[in-house]
N, C-alpha and C. Protein backbone atom coordinates (compact mmCIF):
# COMPACT_ATOMS: atom_id res chain seq x y z
N MET A 1 48.31 -21.62 29.24
CA MET A 1 49.07 -22.42 29.95
C MET A 1 48.99 -22.30 31.37
N ALA A 2 48.95 -23.40 32.06
CA ALA A 2 48.71 -23.40 33.45
C ALA A 2 49.78 -22.79 34.63
N PHE A 3 49.45 -21.92 35.43
CA PHE A 3 50.33 -21.13 36.21
C PHE A 3 51.16 -22.33 36.92
N ASP A 4 52.70 -22.21 36.98
CA ASP A 4 53.43 -23.17 37.68
C ASP A 4 54.13 -22.62 38.77
N PHE A 5 53.88 -22.57 40.05
CA PHE A 5 54.69 -21.84 41.08
C PHE A 5 56.09 -22.22 40.88
N LYS A 6 56.67 -23.27 40.71
CA LYS A 6 57.98 -23.79 40.49
C LYS A 6 58.70 -22.77 39.46
N LYS A 7 57.92 -22.91 38.40
CA LYS A 7 58.86 -22.14 37.39
C LYS A 7 58.66 -20.65 37.44
N GLU A 8 57.41 -19.96 38.10
CA GLU A 8 57.10 -18.47 38.45
C GLU A 8 58.11 -17.91 39.71
N TYR A 9 58.37 -18.92 40.54
CA TYR A 9 59.04 -18.46 41.62
C TYR A 9 60.44 -19.61 41.79
N LYS A 10 61.03 -19.38 40.79
CA LYS A 10 62.35 -20.39 40.77
C LYS A 10 63.35 -20.18 42.01
N GLU A 11 63.53 -18.93 42.60
CA GLU A 11 64.40 -18.59 43.34
C GLU A 11 64.02 -19.40 44.77
N PHE A 12 62.69 -19.56 44.97
CA PHE A 12 62.03 -20.40 46.29
C PHE A 12 62.10 -21.96 46.18
N TYR A 13 62.04 -22.36 45.00
CA TYR A 13 61.70 -24.01 44.69
C TYR A 13 62.82 -24.47 43.95
N MET A 14 63.85 -23.79 43.46
CA MET A 14 64.79 -24.47 42.42
C MET A 14 66.09 -23.93 42.98
N PRO A 15 66.58 -23.62 44.41
CA PRO A 15 68.04 -22.85 44.54
C PRO A 15 68.96 -24.33 44.05
N LYS A 16 70.30 -23.60 44.02
CA LYS A 16 71.46 -24.33 43.56
C LYS A 16 71.96 -25.27 44.90
N SER A 17 72.72 -26.10 44.60
CA SER A 17 73.23 -26.94 45.72
C SER A 17 74.55 -26.39 46.41
N LYS A 18 74.03 -24.98 46.77
CA LYS A 18 74.79 -24.18 47.52
C LYS A 18 74.15 -23.32 48.20
N PRO A 19 74.55 -22.54 49.43
CA PRO A 19 73.52 -21.90 50.38
C PRO A 19 73.32 -20.56 49.51
N GLN A 20 71.80 -20.24 49.98
CA GLN A 20 71.76 -18.71 49.38
C GLN A 20 70.77 -18.07 50.28
N ILE A 21 70.74 -16.99 50.33
CA ILE A 21 69.82 -16.12 51.65
C ILE A 21 68.70 -15.62 50.79
N VAL A 22 67.50 -15.74 51.00
CA VAL A 22 66.33 -15.33 50.41
C VAL A 22 65.33 -14.69 51.41
N ASN A 23 64.56 -13.69 51.12
CA ASN A 23 63.49 -13.41 51.81
C ASN A 23 62.18 -14.00 51.24
N VAL A 24 61.68 -14.61 52.04
CA VAL A 24 60.28 -15.61 51.64
C VAL A 24 59.22 -14.66 51.81
N PRO A 25 58.28 -14.49 50.79
CA PRO A 25 56.83 -13.70 51.12
C PRO A 25 56.00 -14.54 51.66
N ARG A 26 55.09 -13.79 52.50
CA ARG A 26 53.80 -14.43 52.94
C ARG A 26 53.17 -15.57 51.96
N ALA A 27 52.64 -16.26 52.43
CA ALA A 27 51.84 -17.25 51.45
C ALA A 27 50.89 -18.18 52.40
N ASN A 28 49.77 -18.66 51.45
CA ASN A 28 48.71 -19.43 52.29
C ASN A 28 48.95 -21.01 51.78
N TYR A 29 48.71 -21.89 52.76
CA TYR A 29 48.56 -23.16 52.58
C TYR A 29 47.59 -23.98 53.15
N ILE A 30 47.41 -25.25 52.45
CA ILE A 30 46.69 -26.34 53.11
C ILE A 30 47.70 -26.79 54.16
N ALA A 31 46.95 -27.03 55.36
CA ALA A 31 48.01 -27.68 56.25
C ALA A 31 47.47 -28.69 57.25
N VAL A 32 48.15 -29.95 57.47
CA VAL A 32 47.59 -30.60 58.46
C VAL A 32 48.76 -31.17 59.52
N ARG A 33 48.58 -30.88 60.69
CA ARG A 33 49.64 -31.10 61.60
C ARG A 33 49.45 -32.62 62.23
N GLY A 34 50.51 -33.05 62.66
CA GLY A 34 50.94 -34.24 63.29
C GLY A 34 52.07 -34.67 64.21
N GLU A 35 52.34 -35.72 64.46
CA GLU A 35 53.58 -36.19 64.93
C GLU A 35 53.74 -37.58 64.81
N GLY A 36 55.03 -38.02 64.80
CA GLY A 36 55.23 -39.50 64.68
C GLY A 36 56.34 -39.68 63.31
N ASN A 37 56.46 -41.06 63.11
CA ASN A 37 57.42 -41.44 62.19
C ASN A 37 56.77 -41.36 60.80
N PRO A 38 57.42 -40.55 60.03
CA PRO A 38 57.06 -40.32 58.59
C PRO A 38 56.91 -41.36 57.66
N ASN A 39 57.86 -42.43 58.22
CA ASN A 39 58.03 -43.61 57.49
C ASN A 39 57.02 -44.39 57.94
N GLU A 40 56.31 -44.70 58.91
CA GLU A 40 55.27 -45.57 59.22
C GLU A 40 54.08 -46.01 58.34
N GLU A 41 54.17 -47.19 57.81
CA GLU A 41 53.13 -47.44 56.79
C GLU A 41 51.69 -47.37 57.51
N GLY A 42 50.86 -46.34 56.65
CA GLY A 42 49.65 -46.01 57.07
C GLY A 42 49.61 -45.25 58.35
N GLY A 43 50.68 -44.75 58.77
CA GLY A 43 50.30 -43.85 59.64
C GLY A 43 50.15 -42.41 59.52
N ALA A 44 50.17 -41.60 60.59
CA ALA A 44 49.57 -40.22 60.53
C ALA A 44 49.99 -39.45 59.44
N TYR A 45 51.50 -39.48 59.23
CA TYR A 45 52.28 -38.39 58.34
C TYR A 45 51.48 -38.83 56.74
N GLN A 46 51.32 -40.31 56.58
CA GLN A 46 51.07 -40.68 55.19
C GLN A 46 49.49 -40.25 54.94
N ARG A 47 48.67 -40.45 56.03
CA ARG A 47 47.06 -40.06 55.91
C ARG A 47 47.31 -38.55 55.77
N ALA A 48 48.01 -37.75 56.54
CA ALA A 48 47.81 -36.26 56.13
C ALA A 48 48.25 -36.12 54.97
N ILE A 49 49.14 -36.77 54.16
CA ILE A 49 49.51 -36.14 52.86
C ILE A 49 48.11 -36.67 51.86
N GLY A 50 47.65 -37.82 52.09
CA GLY A 50 46.38 -37.80 51.41
C GLY A 50 45.17 -36.94 51.54
N ILE A 51 44.98 -36.29 52.70
CA ILE A 51 44.20 -35.15 52.94
C ILE A 51 44.56 -34.05 52.15
N LEU A 52 46.06 -33.54 52.22
CA LEU A 52 46.40 -32.50 51.47
C LEU A 52 46.27 -32.28 50.13
N TYR A 53 46.35 -33.76 49.53
CA TYR A 53 46.55 -33.68 48.15
C TYR A 53 44.81 -34.02 47.89
N ALA A 54 43.92 -34.56 48.35
CA ALA A 54 42.50 -34.56 48.10
C ALA A 54 41.83 -33.11 48.26
N VAL A 55 42.41 -32.37 48.99
CA VAL A 55 41.86 -31.06 49.18
C VAL A 55 42.52 -30.35 47.99
N ALA A 56 43.77 -30.16 47.96
CA ALA A 56 44.70 -29.40 46.76
C ALA A 56 43.87 -29.93 45.23
N TYR A 57 43.71 -31.04 44.98
CA TYR A 57 43.19 -31.35 43.60
C TYR A 57 41.79 -30.83 43.61
N THR A 58 40.80 -31.29 44.86
CA THR A 58 39.45 -30.55 44.69
C THR A 58 39.52 -29.02 44.20
N LEU A 59 40.64 -28.34 44.77
CA LEU A 59 40.46 -26.71 44.58
C LEU A 59 41.06 -26.53 43.02
N LYS A 60 41.92 -27.22 42.67
CA LYS A 60 42.60 -27.17 41.39
C LYS A 60 41.59 -27.62 40.40
N MET A 61 40.41 -28.53 40.66
CA MET A 61 39.58 -28.65 39.46
C MET A 61 38.34 -28.20 39.38
N SER A 62 38.11 -27.29 40.49
CA SER A 62 37.02 -26.65 41.04
C SER A 62 36.11 -26.06 39.79
N TYR A 63 37.23 -25.61 38.57
CA TYR A 63 36.62 -24.79 37.48
C TYR A 63 35.71 -25.97 36.59
N LYS A 64 35.86 -27.09 37.00
CA LYS A 64 35.19 -28.30 36.05
C LYS A 64 33.68 -28.53 36.92
N THR A 65 33.39 -27.73 37.84
CA THR A 65 32.27 -28.14 38.88
C THR A 65 31.28 -26.88 38.72
N ASP A 66 30.17 -26.95 39.66
CA ASP A 66 29.27 -25.87 39.53
C ASP A 66 29.73 -24.97 40.38
N TYR A 67 30.83 -25.41 41.43
CA TYR A 67 31.27 -24.04 42.17
C TYR A 67 32.42 -23.49 41.56
N LYS A 68 32.11 -22.07 41.42
CA LYS A 68 33.14 -21.07 41.02
C LYS A 68 33.88 -20.51 42.05
N ILE A 69 35.20 -20.24 41.98
CA ILE A 69 36.03 -19.58 42.54
C ILE A 69 36.29 -18.13 42.06
N GLU A 70 36.22 -17.11 42.70
CA GLU A 70 36.26 -15.65 41.96
C GLU A 70 37.79 -15.55 41.80
N GLY A 71 38.37 -14.96 40.65
CA GLY A 71 39.51 -14.80 40.34
C GLY A 71 40.22 -16.12 40.04
N PHE A 72 39.74 -17.13 39.95
CA PHE A 72 40.37 -18.50 39.54
C PHE A 72 41.29 -18.53 38.27
N PHE A 73 42.12 -18.99 38.06
CA PHE A 73 43.10 -19.44 37.00
C PHE A 73 43.68 -20.86 37.22
N GLU A 74 43.97 -21.41 36.17
CA GLU A 74 44.45 -22.79 35.95
C GLU A 74 45.69 -22.81 36.37
N TYR A 75 46.30 -23.76 37.32
CA TYR A 75 47.47 -23.88 37.97
C TYR A 75 47.98 -25.28 38.25
N VAL A 76 49.19 -25.38 38.36
CA VAL A 76 49.68 -26.63 38.67
C VAL A 76 49.87 -26.88 40.14
N VAL A 77 49.48 -27.98 40.57
CA VAL A 77 49.51 -27.94 42.55
C VAL A 77 50.80 -28.07 42.81
N PRO A 78 51.28 -27.04 43.59
CA PRO A 78 52.70 -27.02 44.09
C PRO A 78 53.22 -28.24 44.78
N PRO A 79 54.57 -28.35 45.01
CA PRO A 79 54.79 -29.49 45.62
C PRO A 79 54.56 -29.69 46.92
N LEU A 80 54.57 -30.68 47.54
CA LEU A 80 54.38 -31.15 49.03
C LEU A 80 55.51 -30.46 49.84
N GLU A 81 55.18 -29.69 51.05
CA GLU A 81 56.10 -29.05 51.93
C GLU A 81 56.11 -29.68 53.27
N GLY A 82 57.00 -29.45 54.10
CA GLY A 82 56.90 -29.75 55.63
C GLY A 82 57.64 -28.99 56.50
N PHE A 83 57.10 -28.74 57.81
CA PHE A 83 57.81 -28.05 58.93
C PHE A 83 58.00 -28.93 59.92
N TRP A 84 59.31 -29.23 60.27
CA TRP A 84 59.63 -30.18 61.02
C TRP A 84 60.21 -29.74 62.40
N TRP A 85 60.11 -30.48 63.60
CA TRP A 85 60.81 -30.09 64.79
C TRP A 85 60.51 -31.03 65.73
N GLN A 86 61.36 -31.15 66.84
CA GLN A 86 61.49 -32.30 68.15
C GLN A 86 61.65 -31.51 69.13
N GLU A 87 61.36 -31.73 70.26
CA GLU A 87 61.28 -31.21 71.59
C GLU A 87 62.75 -31.34 72.13
N ASP A 88 63.30 -32.60 71.93
CA ASP A 88 64.57 -33.03 72.18
C ASP A 88 65.23 -33.57 70.86
N LEU A 89 66.08 -32.70 70.53
CA LEU A 89 66.76 -33.13 68.96
C LEU A 89 67.47 -34.53 69.00
N ASP A 90 66.79 -35.32 68.13
CA ASP A 90 67.52 -36.65 67.93
C ASP A 90 66.87 -37.31 66.53
N TYR A 91 67.69 -37.04 65.69
CA TYR A 91 66.83 -37.42 64.36
C TYR A 91 67.06 -38.74 64.29
N THR A 92 67.59 -39.61 65.08
CA THR A 92 67.61 -41.12 64.99
C THR A 92 66.15 -41.76 65.61
N ASP A 93 65.67 -40.82 66.16
CA ASP A 93 64.29 -41.14 66.81
C ASP A 93 63.05 -40.42 65.92
N LYS A 94 62.67 -40.97 64.93
CA LYS A 94 61.79 -40.66 64.03
C LYS A 94 60.36 -40.31 64.56
N SER A 95 60.17 -41.20 65.63
CA SER A 95 58.60 -41.27 66.24
C SER A 95 58.45 -39.82 66.93
N SER A 96 59.70 -39.16 67.50
CA SER A 96 59.22 -38.05 68.15
C SER A 96 59.18 -36.62 67.46
N PHE A 97 59.28 -36.98 66.21
CA PHE A 97 59.02 -35.93 65.00
C PHE A 97 57.57 -35.27 65.34
N LYS A 98 57.62 -33.87 65.15
CA LYS A 98 56.56 -33.09 65.02
C LYS A 98 56.55 -32.56 63.65
N TRP A 99 55.43 -32.18 62.92
CA TRP A 99 55.56 -31.95 61.74
C TRP A 99 54.13 -31.15 61.31
N ILE A 100 54.20 -30.13 60.46
CA ILE A 100 53.21 -29.52 59.87
C ILE A 100 53.26 -29.94 58.21
N SER A 101 52.61 -30.44 57.65
CA SER A 101 52.55 -30.86 56.25
C SER A 101 51.69 -29.79 55.75
N VAL A 102 52.34 -29.21 54.34
CA VAL A 102 51.47 -28.30 53.70
C VAL A 102 51.67 -28.45 52.16
N ILE A 103 50.79 -27.79 51.55
CA ILE A 103 50.87 -27.62 50.17
C ILE A 103 50.44 -26.06 49.95
N ARG A 104 50.98 -25.49 49.17
CA ARG A 104 50.77 -24.00 49.04
C ARG A 104 49.33 -23.93 48.20
N MET A 105 48.70 -22.68 48.44
CA MET A 105 47.43 -22.57 47.75
C MET A 105 47.68 -21.05 46.81
N PRO A 106 46.90 -21.05 45.86
CA PRO A 106 46.93 -19.59 45.05
C PRO A 106 46.07 -18.68 46.08
N ASP A 107 46.51 -17.43 46.18
CA ASP A 107 45.90 -16.30 46.68
C ASP A 107 44.48 -16.08 46.74
N PHE A 108 44.07 -16.50 45.52
CA PHE A 108 42.70 -16.21 45.46
C PHE A 108 41.73 -17.10 45.98
N VAL A 109 42.32 -18.30 46.82
CA VAL A 109 41.29 -19.23 47.28
C VAL A 109 41.01 -18.38 48.67
N THR A 110 39.88 -18.28 48.91
CA THR A 110 39.27 -17.69 50.40
C THR A 110 39.01 -18.75 51.31
N GLU A 111 38.56 -18.26 52.35
CA GLU A 111 38.15 -19.46 53.60
C GLU A 111 37.09 -20.18 53.05
N LYS A 112 36.07 -19.56 52.40
CA LYS A 112 34.78 -20.11 51.96
C LYS A 112 34.94 -21.18 50.85
N ASP A 113 36.21 -20.69 50.09
CA ASP A 113 36.45 -21.90 48.87
C ASP A 113 37.05 -23.11 49.67
N PHE A 114 38.03 -22.80 50.71
CA PHE A 114 38.48 -23.91 51.49
C PHE A 114 37.72 -24.94 52.00
N ASP A 115 36.64 -24.20 52.64
CA ASP A 115 35.58 -24.94 53.43
C ASP A 115 34.88 -25.95 52.51
N TRP A 116 34.52 -25.20 51.21
CA TRP A 116 33.83 -26.06 50.40
C TRP A 116 34.56 -27.28 49.86
N ALA A 117 36.11 -26.95 49.50
CA ALA A 117 36.73 -27.98 49.04
C ALA A 117 37.21 -29.14 50.15
N VAL A 118 37.05 -28.86 51.32
CA VAL A 118 37.24 -29.72 52.38
C VAL A 118 35.91 -30.62 52.53
N GLU A 119 34.99 -30.08 52.32
CA GLU A 119 33.62 -30.75 52.46
C GLU A 119 33.43 -31.66 51.16
N THR A 120 33.90 -31.07 49.99
CA THR A 120 33.68 -31.91 48.86
C THR A 120 34.58 -33.01 48.63
N ALA A 121 35.78 -32.64 49.19
CA ALA A 121 37.07 -33.65 48.93
C ALA A 121 36.55 -35.02 50.05
N SER A 122 35.96 -34.59 51.10
CA SER A 122 35.57 -35.45 52.23
C SER A 122 34.54 -36.43 51.66
N LYS A 123 33.51 -36.10 50.87
CA LYS A 123 32.54 -36.69 50.21
C LYS A 123 32.91 -37.25 49.12
N LYS A 124 33.59 -36.87 48.19
CA LYS A 124 34.06 -37.45 46.87
C LYS A 124 35.01 -38.56 47.28
N LYS A 125 36.02 -38.18 48.10
CA LYS A 125 36.64 -39.54 48.49
C LYS A 125 36.84 -40.43 49.64
N LYS A 126 35.42 -40.04 50.16
CA LYS A 126 35.20 -40.97 51.30
C LYS A 126 36.18 -40.98 52.37
N LEU A 127 37.02 -39.78 52.64
CA LEU A 127 37.99 -39.26 53.62
C LEU A 127 37.75 -38.25 54.41
N ASP A 128 38.16 -38.53 55.82
CA ASP A 128 37.73 -37.33 56.58
C ASP A 128 38.87 -36.39 56.38
N CYS A 129 38.52 -35.21 55.88
CA CYS A 129 39.38 -33.99 55.67
C CYS A 129 39.18 -33.02 56.69
N SER A 130 38.72 -33.30 57.68
CA SER A 130 38.38 -32.41 58.68
C SER A 130 39.62 -31.79 59.47
N SER A 131 40.83 -32.22 59.59
CA SER A 131 42.00 -32.07 59.99
C SER A 131 42.91 -30.99 59.42
N ALA A 132 42.35 -30.67 58.02
CA ALA A 132 43.11 -29.73 56.83
C ALA A 132 42.50 -28.22 57.61
N GLU A 133 43.48 -27.41 57.48
CA GLU A 133 43.28 -25.91 57.98
C GLU A 133 44.15 -25.14 56.89
N ILE A 134 43.76 -24.05 57.02
CA ILE A 134 44.43 -22.91 56.20
C ILE A 134 45.48 -22.36 57.20
N LEU A 135 46.64 -22.18 56.63
CA LEU A 135 47.78 -21.80 57.34
C LEU A 135 48.50 -20.75 56.26
N THR A 136 48.52 -19.45 57.04
CA THR A 136 49.35 -18.34 56.45
C THR A 136 50.61 -18.35 57.29
N ILE A 137 51.71 -18.26 56.46
CA ILE A 137 53.24 -18.30 56.90
C ILE A 137 53.94 -17.26 56.31
N ASP A 138 54.64 -16.51 56.98
CA ASP A 138 55.39 -15.34 56.50
C ASP A 138 57.00 -15.59 57.11
N GLU A 139 57.68 -16.54 56.22
CA GLU A 139 58.94 -16.97 56.45
C GLU A 139 60.13 -16.00 56.79
N GLY A 140 59.90 -14.90 55.86
CA GLY A 140 60.90 -13.72 56.10
C GLY A 140 62.15 -14.25 55.74
N LEU A 141 63.18 -13.82 56.31
CA LEU A 141 64.73 -13.92 55.92
C LEU A 141 65.21 -15.31 56.39
N CYS A 142 65.51 -16.16 55.27
CA CYS A 142 65.95 -17.54 55.37
C CYS A 142 67.23 -17.73 54.50
N VAL A 143 67.78 -19.06 55.08
CA VAL A 143 68.78 -19.66 54.27
C VAL A 143 68.47 -20.78 53.49
N GLN A 144 68.76 -21.13 52.39
CA GLN A 144 68.22 -22.42 51.72
C GLN A 144 69.38 -22.99 50.80
N ILE A 145 68.99 -24.30 50.68
CA ILE A 145 70.11 -25.05 49.78
C ILE A 145 69.20 -25.98 49.12
N MET A 146 69.56 -26.85 48.14
CA MET A 146 68.96 -27.83 47.40
C MET A 146 69.84 -29.20 47.88
N HIS A 147 69.15 -30.07 48.68
CA HIS A 147 69.95 -31.22 49.20
C HIS A 147 69.49 -32.33 48.02
N LEU A 148 70.77 -32.97 47.81
CA LEU A 148 70.46 -33.77 46.82
C LEU A 148 70.71 -35.28 47.61
N GLY A 149 69.87 -36.28 47.48
CA GLY A 149 69.91 -37.73 48.20
C GLY A 149 68.87 -37.74 49.30
N PRO A 150 69.16 -38.93 49.96
CA PRO A 150 68.27 -39.47 51.10
C PRO A 150 68.05 -38.24 52.04
N PHE A 151 67.01 -38.30 52.64
CA PHE A 151 66.48 -37.49 53.92
C PHE A 151 67.49 -37.51 55.03
N ASP A 152 67.86 -38.89 55.31
CA ASP A 152 68.79 -39.40 56.17
C ASP A 152 70.20 -38.46 56.14
N ASN A 153 70.54 -37.99 55.04
CA ASN A 153 71.95 -37.35 55.00
C ASN A 153 71.66 -35.88 54.78
N GLU A 154 70.61 -35.27 55.49
CA GLU A 154 70.43 -33.95 55.22
C GLU A 154 71.62 -33.13 55.98
N ASP A 155 71.76 -33.82 57.16
CA ASP A 155 72.68 -33.35 58.24
C ASP A 155 73.83 -32.60 57.47
N ALA A 156 74.38 -33.12 56.54
CA ALA A 156 75.55 -32.66 55.69
C ALA A 156 75.14 -31.36 54.94
N SER A 157 74.05 -31.23 54.53
CA SER A 157 73.52 -29.92 53.80
C SER A 157 73.40 -28.92 54.91
N VAL A 158 72.77 -29.18 55.97
CA VAL A 158 72.58 -28.28 56.94
C VAL A 158 73.99 -27.83 57.36
N ALA A 159 75.04 -28.74 57.61
CA ALA A 159 76.20 -28.08 58.23
C ALA A 159 76.72 -27.35 57.30
N ILE A 160 76.62 -27.44 55.76
CA ILE A 160 77.12 -26.37 54.88
C ILE A 160 76.33 -25.09 55.08
N MET A 161 75.27 -25.03 55.26
CA MET A 161 74.21 -24.06 55.63
C MET A 161 74.58 -23.10 56.74
N ASP A 162 74.87 -24.07 57.67
CA ASP A 162 75.57 -23.10 59.08
C ASP A 162 76.81 -22.74 58.89
N ARG A 163 77.81 -23.19 58.34
CA ARG A 163 78.99 -22.65 58.00
C ARG A 163 79.03 -21.51 57.38
N TYR A 164 78.20 -21.50 56.14
CA TYR A 164 77.93 -20.34 55.22
C TYR A 164 77.41 -19.00 56.21
N LEU A 165 76.39 -19.23 57.04
CA LEU A 165 75.94 -18.00 57.89
C LEU A 165 76.69 -17.62 58.78
N GLY A 166 77.77 -18.58 59.44
CA GLY A 166 78.69 -17.84 60.26
C GLY A 166 79.69 -17.08 59.40
N GLU A 167 80.07 -17.41 58.38
CA GLU A 167 81.18 -16.89 57.38
C GLU A 167 80.36 -15.53 56.92
N ASN A 168 79.25 -15.23 57.11
CA ASN A 168 78.54 -14.19 56.47
C ASN A 168 77.64 -13.22 57.37
N GLY A 169 77.99 -13.55 58.57
CA GLY A 169 77.20 -12.55 59.65
C GLY A 169 75.97 -12.80 60.16
N TYR A 170 75.46 -14.31 59.95
CA TYR A 170 74.19 -14.54 60.10
C TYR A 170 74.33 -15.78 61.12
N GLU A 171 72.80 -15.92 61.84
CA GLU A 171 72.75 -17.24 62.52
C GLU A 171 71.29 -17.52 62.29
N ASN A 172 70.99 -18.88 62.92
CA ASN A 172 69.80 -19.39 62.73
C ASN A 172 68.98 -18.74 63.98
N ASP A 173 67.66 -18.62 63.16
CA ASP A 173 66.51 -18.15 64.16
C ASP A 173 65.43 -18.97 64.48
N PHE A 174 65.50 -20.32 64.76
CA PHE A 174 64.54 -21.02 65.19
C PHE A 174 63.65 -20.64 66.11
N SER A 175 62.39 -20.76 66.35
CA SER A 175 61.31 -20.55 67.32
C SER A 175 60.12 -21.32 67.17
N ASP A 176 59.12 -21.13 67.92
CA ASP A 176 57.85 -21.76 67.57
C ASP A 176 57.39 -21.56 66.39
N GLY A 177 57.40 -20.48 65.53
CA GLY A 177 56.97 -20.10 64.57
C GLY A 177 57.95 -19.99 63.41
N ARG A 178 59.15 -20.45 63.73
CA ARG A 178 60.10 -20.44 62.60
C ARG A 178 60.70 -21.77 62.54
N LEU A 179 60.62 -22.49 61.60
CA LEU A 179 61.00 -24.03 61.97
C LEU A 179 61.61 -24.47 60.37
N HIS A 180 62.50 -25.70 60.85
CA HIS A 180 63.12 -26.51 59.81
C HIS A 180 62.16 -26.58 58.69
N HIS A 181 62.34 -26.13 57.36
CA HIS A 181 61.33 -26.32 56.44
C HIS A 181 61.82 -27.02 55.23
N GLU A 182 61.11 -28.02 54.72
CA GLU A 182 61.54 -28.87 53.52
C GLU A 182 60.34 -28.72 52.30
N ILE A 183 60.92 -28.82 51.03
CA ILE A 183 60.15 -28.76 50.03
C ILE A 183 60.63 -29.84 49.10
N TYR A 184 59.58 -30.65 48.87
CA TYR A 184 59.72 -31.96 48.15
C TYR A 184 59.88 -31.86 46.71
N MET A 185 60.98 -31.71 45.95
CA MET A 185 60.88 -31.62 44.63
C MET A 185 61.09 -32.92 43.84
N SER A 186 61.09 -33.95 44.41
CA SER A 186 61.08 -35.62 43.51
C SER A 186 59.97 -36.23 44.27
N ASP A 187 59.29 -36.91 43.40
CA ASP A 187 58.35 -37.73 43.81
C ASP A 187 59.12 -39.08 44.39
N ALA A 188 58.84 -39.41 45.66
CA ALA A 188 59.74 -40.34 46.30
C ALA A 188 59.54 -41.88 45.93
N ARG A 189 58.34 -41.93 45.41
CA ARG A 189 57.77 -43.18 44.81
C ARG A 189 58.17 -43.56 43.66
N LYS A 190 58.81 -42.45 42.80
CA LYS A 190 59.11 -42.94 41.40
C LYS A 190 60.90 -42.75 41.29
N VAL A 191 61.47 -41.89 42.09
CA VAL A 191 62.81 -41.83 42.02
C VAL A 191 63.76 -42.31 43.17
N ALA A 192 64.61 -42.89 42.74
CA ALA A 192 65.71 -43.38 43.47
C ALA A 192 66.32 -42.43 44.66
N PRO A 193 66.29 -42.79 45.85
CA PRO A 193 66.71 -41.97 47.26
C PRO A 193 68.01 -41.18 46.59
N GLU A 194 68.75 -41.67 46.08
CA GLU A 194 70.14 -40.77 45.64
C GLU A 194 70.01 -39.70 44.67
N LYS A 195 68.87 -39.66 44.10
CA LYS A 195 68.30 -38.53 43.21
C LYS A 195 67.43 -37.62 43.73
N TRP A 196 66.98 -38.04 44.95
CA TRP A 196 65.81 -37.10 45.44
C TRP A 196 66.36 -35.62 45.64
N LYS A 197 65.57 -34.69 45.16
CA LYS A 197 65.86 -33.38 45.38
C LYS A 197 65.00 -32.68 46.52
N THR A 198 65.42 -32.25 47.47
CA THR A 198 64.73 -31.35 48.67
C THR A 198 65.59 -30.06 49.08
N VAL A 199 64.44 -28.92 48.91
CA VAL A 199 64.83 -27.80 49.44
C VAL A 199 65.04 -27.70 50.92
N ILE A 200 66.06 -27.36 51.59
CA ILE A 200 65.97 -27.06 53.00
C ILE A 200 66.25 -25.78 53.16
N ARG A 201 65.16 -25.49 54.07
CA ARG A 201 65.12 -23.96 54.25
C ARG A 201 65.07 -23.81 55.71
N HIS A 202 65.91 -22.81 56.38
CA HIS A 202 65.82 -22.44 57.82
C HIS A 202 66.00 -20.89 57.91
N PRO A 203 65.19 -20.56 59.05
CA PRO A 203 64.93 -19.03 59.54
C PRO A 203 66.29 -18.54 60.09
N ILE A 204 66.65 -17.19 59.30
CA ILE A 204 67.88 -16.76 60.04
C ILE A 204 67.47 -15.26 60.40
N ARG A 205 68.87 -14.77 61.14
CA ARG A 205 68.78 -13.48 61.36
C ARG A 205 70.36 -12.87 61.30
N LYS A 206 70.67 -11.56 61.27
CA LYS A 206 71.98 -11.08 61.43
C LYS A 206 72.26 -11.27 62.82
N LYS A 207 73.66 -11.71 62.86
CA LYS A 207 74.24 -11.80 64.30
C LYS A 207 74.23 -10.35 65.16
N GLN A 208 73.93 -10.29 66.12
CA GLN A 208 73.71 -9.19 67.02
C GLN A 208 75.03 -8.65 67.37
């Protein structure tokens, strides 16, 4: 049976709809950076997602090609994730969003394997995948919650997390390397917005 990150690491992918504190281990991702409105038809964000999946599935299906990855085992491609920030916080202005879209990679994927996948996906899909990069992220101490519903309603779940932090002696710890993090557990193309499930995760620290 194929390894499924969602099932093997439930504490990081399937939190409850109430806040919980987790220590997130270091992991490697396929990443594409960009900025702008994620809802723009054919915009930078949607192009980035196409690149991510092209590379991710090339790696996943590598065992059916002549290219062999050392230590490879069959796995389910993990869900799409995103790190988001704005210079001036204004959620109504989606055009000012900056983002890093990512898909987790198994630890056995090396830089050589990644470069092969980018080159292969570019040729096979006739898609320039050169903007994809390997990103290693060590999130560490975080608070997370499962947000149910549209993305535009996330502020309600964030408020619950913030209140929980204040009651338990923690505070948010945002910085250039520690960002608002979302994991998309629903396929927005197939599921009604009111049923979307999104993990929201914020970096935290103990109050001084």
